[in-house]
Amino acid sequence: MVRIKNNFYRRRSTRRKVYKTKIKNEGYRRANDIFLTEIQEFLKKPKEYQENNRSFLTYLINELVERNKCLVYSIAKRYSNKGIDTSDILNEGYLALIESAYDFDGRSQFSTYAYLRINWKIKELFKRELKFRICPYSSITKRKKLEEVVVDLGNSLGRSPNEEEIINYYNSLKSEKISGSQELAVLRGKRDDIYFKRNGTSILDFYPSEKEETIKRLTDLINNGVLKENWKKIIHYHYYKGMTFDEIGEKFFNGLKKQNINQMEKCAIRKLRKLLEEN
């Protein structure tokens, strides 16, 4: 009798949990629908109205991002430790989420539409960044350490070391490890194979590396005023001073959200990349 009674209460408790989860999911969908409807209606208004009420659109976007950030985290988690900083992956995911809010047509659930868009955007990030990458300060220091390790190993072997030798030697010396060949490719960039002389002198001592030339060209472009003042400020404080998007928004842009700072940074990088490719 006691066992039957316990089973009854257990089943009732399970039903209650399922019901609460269902209510929670329904509330989540309704909130998404409300914000998406408001955004779509706002975008249909005249341009004058949109310019005068830009802060309202920013509020709607920020609320939608806040309610769906778990979706971005879950997708970004699968791509972590693969050669690109998690913060960069998350920023790309947030950007894709904002784009999804603008382009959503209502034919499917927003979460499904946003999931596909975020996943595609992160994959594109990996394709793009493995070809060309402007590294944050932390990655630049790691790359410098890697160059020293490659030179030492090459001089001791008397030849250009392969990927496996570089990774094993680096991980045996440094506290921060290289996870694999993909991260190594990102850190080394587009540089060709390095060849060494047996007397302990590296070719790197005589010829400037591709990284140094690229940084010099980028610095010249930025100083020549090709970027807007806000873009220049973001690039300077994020890549040269190592500040986060949150810190930059709080200090220089009156508390602007990091997603908006990231958008401006992406525009600046696109312009710099285009100018570098043209030259």
Protein backbone atom coordinates (compact mmCIF):
# COMPACT_ATOMS: atom_id res chain seq x y z
CA MET A 1 0.00 0.00 0.00
CA VAL A 2 2.82 2.39 0.92
CA ARG A 3 4.66 1.57 -2.32
CA ILE A 4 1.56 2.30 -4.43
CA LYS A 5 1.08 5.60 -2.62
CA ASN A 6 4.73 6.60 -3.15
CA ASN A 7 4.53 5.73 -6.86
CA PHE A 8 1.40 7.85 -7.17
CA TYR A 9 3.10 10.92 -5.63
CA ARG A 10 6.21 10.31 -7.72
CA ARG A 11 4.17 10.27 -10.94
CA ARG A 12 2.30 13.39 -9.88
CA SER A 13 5.59 15.17 -9.13
CA THR A 14 6.96 14.18 -12.57
CA ARG A 15 3.82 15.49 -14.28
CA ARG A 16 4.17 18.77 -12.40
CA LYS A 17 7.80 19.19 -13.57
CA VAL A 18 6.84 18.47 -17.19
CA TYR A 19 4.02 21.02 -16.96
CA LYS A 20 6.33 23.68 -15.50
CA THR A 21 8.87 23.08 -18.28
CA LYS A 22 6.12 23.37 -20.88
CA ILE A 23 4.91 26.67 -19.39
CA LYS A 24 8.48 27.98 -19.29
CA ASN A 25 9.08 27.08 -22.96
CA GLU A 26 5.78 28.65 -24.01
CA GLY A 27 6.72 31.86 -22.16
CA TYR A 28 10.10 31.88 -23.90
CA ARG A 29 8.48 31.52 -27.32
CA ARG A 30 5.88 34.20 -26.59
CA ALA A 31 8.57 36.66 -25.46
CA ASN A 32 10.55 35.99 -28.65
CA ASP A 33 7.43 36.49 -30.77
CA ILE A 34 6.66 39.81 -29.07
CA PHE A 35 10.14 41.24 -29.59
CA LEU A 36 10.39 39.95 -33.17
CA THR A 37 7.00 41.45 -34.06
CA GLU A 38 8.06 44.80 -32.59
CA ILE A 39 11.34 44.72 -34.54
CA GLN A 40 9.62 43.87 -37.84
CA GLU A 41 7.04 46.64 -37.32
CA PHE A 42 9.79 49.12 -36.47
CA LEU A 43 11.69 48.26 -39.68
CA LYS A 44 8.54 48.94 -41.75
CA LYS A 45 8.31 52.52 -40.40
CA PRO A 46 9.68 55.48 -42.42
CA LYS A 47 13.43 56.14 -42.21
CA GLU A 48 12.88 59.41 -40.34
CA TYR A 49 10.99 57.60 -37.60
CA GLN A 50 13.70 54.90 -37.41
CA GLU A 51 16.49 57.47 -37.04
CA ASN A 52 14.65 59.39 -34.31
CA ASN A 53 13.82 56.23 -32.33
CA ARG A 54 17.01 54.26 -32.82
CA SER A 55 17.36 53.70 -29.07
CA PHE A 56 14.07 51.76 -29.04
CA LEU A 57 15.36 49.35 -31.70
CA THR A 58 18.60 48.94 -29.72
CA TYR A 59 16.54 48.08 -26.63
CA LEU A 60 14.52 45.44 -28.55
CA ILE A 61 17.66 43.86 -30.04
CA ASN A 62 19.45 43.78 -26.67
CA GLU A 63 16.46 42.11 -24.99
CA LEU A 64 16.19 39.51 -27.75
CA VAL A 65 19.93 38.77 -27.52
CA GLU A 66 19.72 38.50 -23.72
CA ARG A 67 16.88 35.95 -23.97
CA ASN A 68 18.64 33.84 -26.61
CA LYS A 69 22.27 34.02 -25.47
CA CYS A 70 22.08 30.40 -24.21
CA LEU A 71 21.57 29.32 -27.82
CA VAL A 72 24.78 31.14 -28.83
CA TYR A 73 26.70 29.59 -25.89
CA SER A 74 25.57 26.06 -26.75
CA ILE A 75 26.74 26.38 -30.38
CA ALA A 76 29.99 28.21 -29.53
CA LYS A 77 30.90 25.53 -26.98
CA ARG A 78 31.26 22.94 -29.76
CA TYR A 79 33.82 25.11 -31.56
CA SER A 80 35.95 26.06 -28.52
CA ASN A 81 39.64 25.02 -28.28
CA LYS A 82 39.98 24.81 -32.07
CA GLY A 83 42.37 27.67 -32.75
CA ILE A 84 40.15 30.74 -32.28
CA ASP A 85 39.42 32.52 -28.98
CA THR A 86 36.03 31.65 -27.48
CA SER A 87 35.25 35.37 -27.08
CA ASP A 88 35.63 35.85 -30.87
CA ILE A 89 33.34 32.88 -31.54
CA LEU A 90 30.72 34.26 -29.13
CA ASN A 91 30.90 37.71 -30.72
CA GLU A 92 30.33 36.18 -34.16
CA GLY A 93 27.39 34.22 -32.73
CA TYR A 94 25.84 37.36 -31.24
CA LEU A 95 26.26 39.16 -34.55
CA ALA A 96 24.50 36.29 -36.36
CA LEU A 97 21.69 36.41 -33.77
CA ILE A 98 21.18 40.14 -34.41
CA GLU A 99 21.14 39.53 -38.18
CA SER A 100 18.57 36.76 -37.64
CA ALA A 101 16.30 39.22 -35.84
CA TYR A 102 16.45 41.58 -38.83
CA ASP A 103 15.91 38.89 -41.49
CA PHE A 104 13.44 36.55 -39.74
CA ASP A 105 10.39 35.89 -41.95
CA GLY A 106 8.20 33.91 -39.52
CA ARG A 107 8.03 30.71 -41.59
CA SER A 108 9.60 28.62 -38.81
CA GLN A 109 10.44 28.99 -35.14
CA PHE A 110 12.95 31.75 -34.45
CA SER A 111 15.22 29.42 -32.45
CA THR A 112 15.52 27.05 -35.46
CA TYR A 113 16.22 29.91 -37.86
CA ALA A 114 18.76 31.53 -35.52
CA TYR A 115 20.50 28.18 -34.83
CA LEU A 116 21.19 27.59 -38.53
CA ARG A 117 22.33 31.19 -39.04
CA ILE A 118 24.68 31.18 -36.02
CA ASN A 119 26.17 27.80 -36.95
CA TRP A 120 26.82 28.94 -40.53
CA LYS A 121 28.32 32.25 -39.36
CA ILE A 122 30.76 30.54 -36.98
CA LYS A 123 31.87 28.11 -39.71
CA GLU A 124 32.50 31.08 -42.01
CA LEU A 125 34.55 32.69 -39.23
CA PHE A 126 36.87 29.65 -39.13
CA LYS A 127 37.26 29.63 -42.92
CA ARG A 128 38.04 33.34 -42.98
CA GLU A 129 40.28 33.59 -39.93
CA LEU A 130 42.51 30.69 -40.94
CA LYS A 131 43.39 32.62 -44.11
CA PHE A 132 43.90 36.02 -42.51
CA ARG A 133 43.78 37.03 -38.86
CA ILE A 134 44.41 40.18 -36.81
CA CYS A 135 45.41 38.77 -33.41
CA PRO A 136 44.53 40.28 -30.02
CA TYR A 137 47.45 41.20 -27.75
CA SER A 138 47.34 37.85 -25.90
CA SER A 139 47.62 35.91 -29.18
CA ILE A 140 50.47 38.12 -30.40
CA THR A 141 52.53 37.32 -27.28
CA LYS A 142 51.79 33.61 -27.75
CA ARG A 143 52.91 33.85 -31.37
CA LYS A 144 56.18 35.51 -30.30
CA LYS A 145 56.87 32.63 -27.91
CA LEU A 146 56.08 30.18 -30.71
CA GLU A 147 58.57 31.89 -33.04
CA GLU A 148 61.31 31.61 -30.42
CA VAL A 149 60.53 27.92 -29.93
CA VAL A 150 60.56 27.26 -33.70
CA VAL A 151 63.93 29.02 -34.08
CA ASP A 152 65.49 27.08 -31.16
CA LEU A 153 64.15 23.75 -32.38
CA GLY A 154 65.18 24.42 -35.98
CA ASN A 155 68.70 25.36 -34.93
CA SER A 156 69.08 22.22 -32.81
CA LEU A 157 67.76 19.97 -35.62
CA GLY A 158 69.53 21.80 -38.45
CA ARG A 159 66.37 21.74 -40.56
CA SER A 160 62.81 23.04 -40.66
CA PRO A 161 60.78 21.16 -38.00
CA ASN A 162 57.42 19.63 -38.85
CA GLU A 163 54.12 20.43 -37.10
CA GLU A 164 54.22 17.51 -34.66
CA GLU A 165 57.77 18.36 -33.53
CA ILE A 166 56.85 22.02 -32.99
CA ILE A 167 53.71 21.20 -30.95
CA ASN A 168 55.47 18.61 -28.75
CA TYR A 169 58.49 20.85 -28.12
CA TYR A 170 56.33 23.92 -27.37
CA ASN A 171 54.01 22.03 -24.98
CA SER A 172 57.00 20.59 -23.09
CA LEU A 173 58.37 24.10 -22.38
CA LYS A 174 55.39 26.44 -22.00
CA SER A 175 52.53 26.43 -19.47
CA GLU A 176 49.93 27.45 -22.10
CA LYS A 177 49.58 24.57 -24.56
CA ILE A 178 48.87 24.42 -28.30
CA SER A 179 45.83 22.19 -28.79
CA GLY A 180 46.63 20.94 -32.30
CA SER A 181 47.66 21.64 -35.88
CA GLN A 182 44.68 23.96 -36.48
CA GLU A 183 45.70 26.35 -33.68
CA LEU A 184 49.31 26.14 -34.87
CA ALA A 185 48.20 27.19 -38.37
CA VAL A 186 46.34 30.19 -36.92
CA LEU A 187 49.34 31.27 -34.81
CA ARG A 188 51.82 30.93 -37.67
CA GLY A 189 49.51 32.67 -40.16
CA LYS A 190 50.47 32.53 -43.83
CA ARG A 191 54.19 32.26 -43.31
CA ASP A 192 56.15 29.90 -45.57
CA ASP A 193 58.43 27.18 -44.20
CA ILE A 194 61.42 28.51 -42.26
CA TYR A 195 64.86 27.10 -43.03
CA PHE A 196 67.82 27.26 -40.65
CA LYS A 197 71.62 27.28 -40.83
CA ARG A 198 73.75 24.85 -38.82
CA ASN A 199 75.84 27.60 -37.20
CA GLY A 200 72.91 28.65 -35.00
CA THR A 201 71.89 31.70 -37.04
CA SER A 202 68.33 31.83 -38.31
CA ILE A 203 67.11 33.34 -41.56
CA LEU A 204 64.67 35.25 -39.32
CA ASP A 205 67.65 37.33 -38.12
CA PHE A 206 68.12 38.76 -41.63
CA TYR A 207 64.60 39.03 -43.07
CA PRO A 208 61.55 40.59 -41.37
CA SER A 209 58.71 38.13 -40.87
CA GLU A 210 55.41 38.39 -42.74
CA LYS A 211 53.66 39.14 -39.46
CA GLU A 212 55.85 42.20 -38.78
CA GLU A 213 55.30 43.53 -42.31
CA THR A 214 51.54 43.06 -41.99
CA ILE A 215 51.44 44.83 -38.61
CA LYS A 216 53.49 47.73 -40.04
CA ARG A 217 51.14 48.07 -43.03
CA LEU A 218 48.10 47.93 -40.74
CA THR A 219 49.58 50.59 -38.44
CA ASP A 220 50.28 52.86 -41.43
CA LEU A 221 46.71 52.42 -42.72
CA ILE A 222 45.19 53.18 -39.31
CA ASN A 223 47.40 56.26 -38.78
CA ASN A 224 46.58 57.57 -42.29
CA GLY A 225 42.95 58.07 -41.25
CA VAL A 226 41.28 55.44 -43.47
CA LEU A 227 39.00 54.44 -40.56
CA LYS A 228 36.27 56.39 -38.81
CA GLU A 229 37.33 57.79 -35.44
CA ASN A 230 35.12 55.33 -33.49
CA TRP A 231 36.43 52.35 -35.48
CA LYS A 232 40.02 53.49 -34.95
CA LYS A 233 39.42 53.79 -31.19
CA ILE A 234 37.96 50.26 -30.97
CA ILE A 235 40.83 48.70 -32.97
CA HIS A 236 43.44 50.55 -30.90
CA TYR A 237 42.07 49.68 -27.46
CA HIS A 238 41.01 46.10 -28.30
CA TYR A 239 44.07 44.90 -30.23
CA TYR A 240 46.85 47.12 -28.88
CA LYS A 241 45.69 47.66 -25.28
CA GLY A 242 43.92 44.31 -24.82
CA MET A 243 40.62 45.82 -23.55
CA THR A 244 37.38 43.82 -23.88
CA PHE A 245 34.34 45.06 -25.81
CA ASP A 246 32.49 45.59 -22.50
CA GLU A 247 35.30 47.80 -21.16
CA ILE A 248 35.50 49.82 -24.40
CA GLY A 249 31.72 50.35 -24.49
CA GLU A 250 31.65 51.43 -20.84
CA LYS A 251 34.62 53.81 -21.07
CA PHE A 252 34.25 55.44 -24.50
CA PHE A 253 30.67 54.85 -25.76
CA ASN A 254 28.41 55.58 -22.76
CA GLY A 255 27.78 51.95 -21.86
CA LEU A 256 27.07 50.71 -25.41
CA LYS A 257 26.51 46.92 -25.55
CA LYS A 258 29.42 44.72 -26.61
CA GLN A 259 27.40 43.37 -29.57
CA ASN A 260 27.28 46.88 -31.07
CA ILE A 261 30.99 47.43 -30.40
CA ASN A 262 31.66 44.09 -32.12
CA GLN A 263 29.65 45.20 -35.16
CA MET A 264 31.76 48.35 -35.55
CA GLU A 265 34.96 46.34 -35.08
CA LYS A 266 33.92 43.89 -37.82
CA CYS A 267 33.26 46.79 -40.22
CA ALA A 268 36.71 48.23 -39.46
CA ILE A 269 38.43 44.85 -40.02
CA ARG A 270 36.56 44.30 -43.30
CA LYS A 271 37.79 47.68 -44.55
CA LEU A 272 41.39 47.02 -43.44
CA ARG A 273 41.35 43.56 -45.03
CA LYS A 274 40.07 45.00 -48.30
CA LEU A 275 42.79 47.68 -48.34
CA LEU A 276 45.50 45.11 -47.56
CA GLU A 277 44.33 42.82 -50.37
CA GLU A 278 44.24 45.74 -52.84
CA ASN A 279 47.81 46.73 -51.92
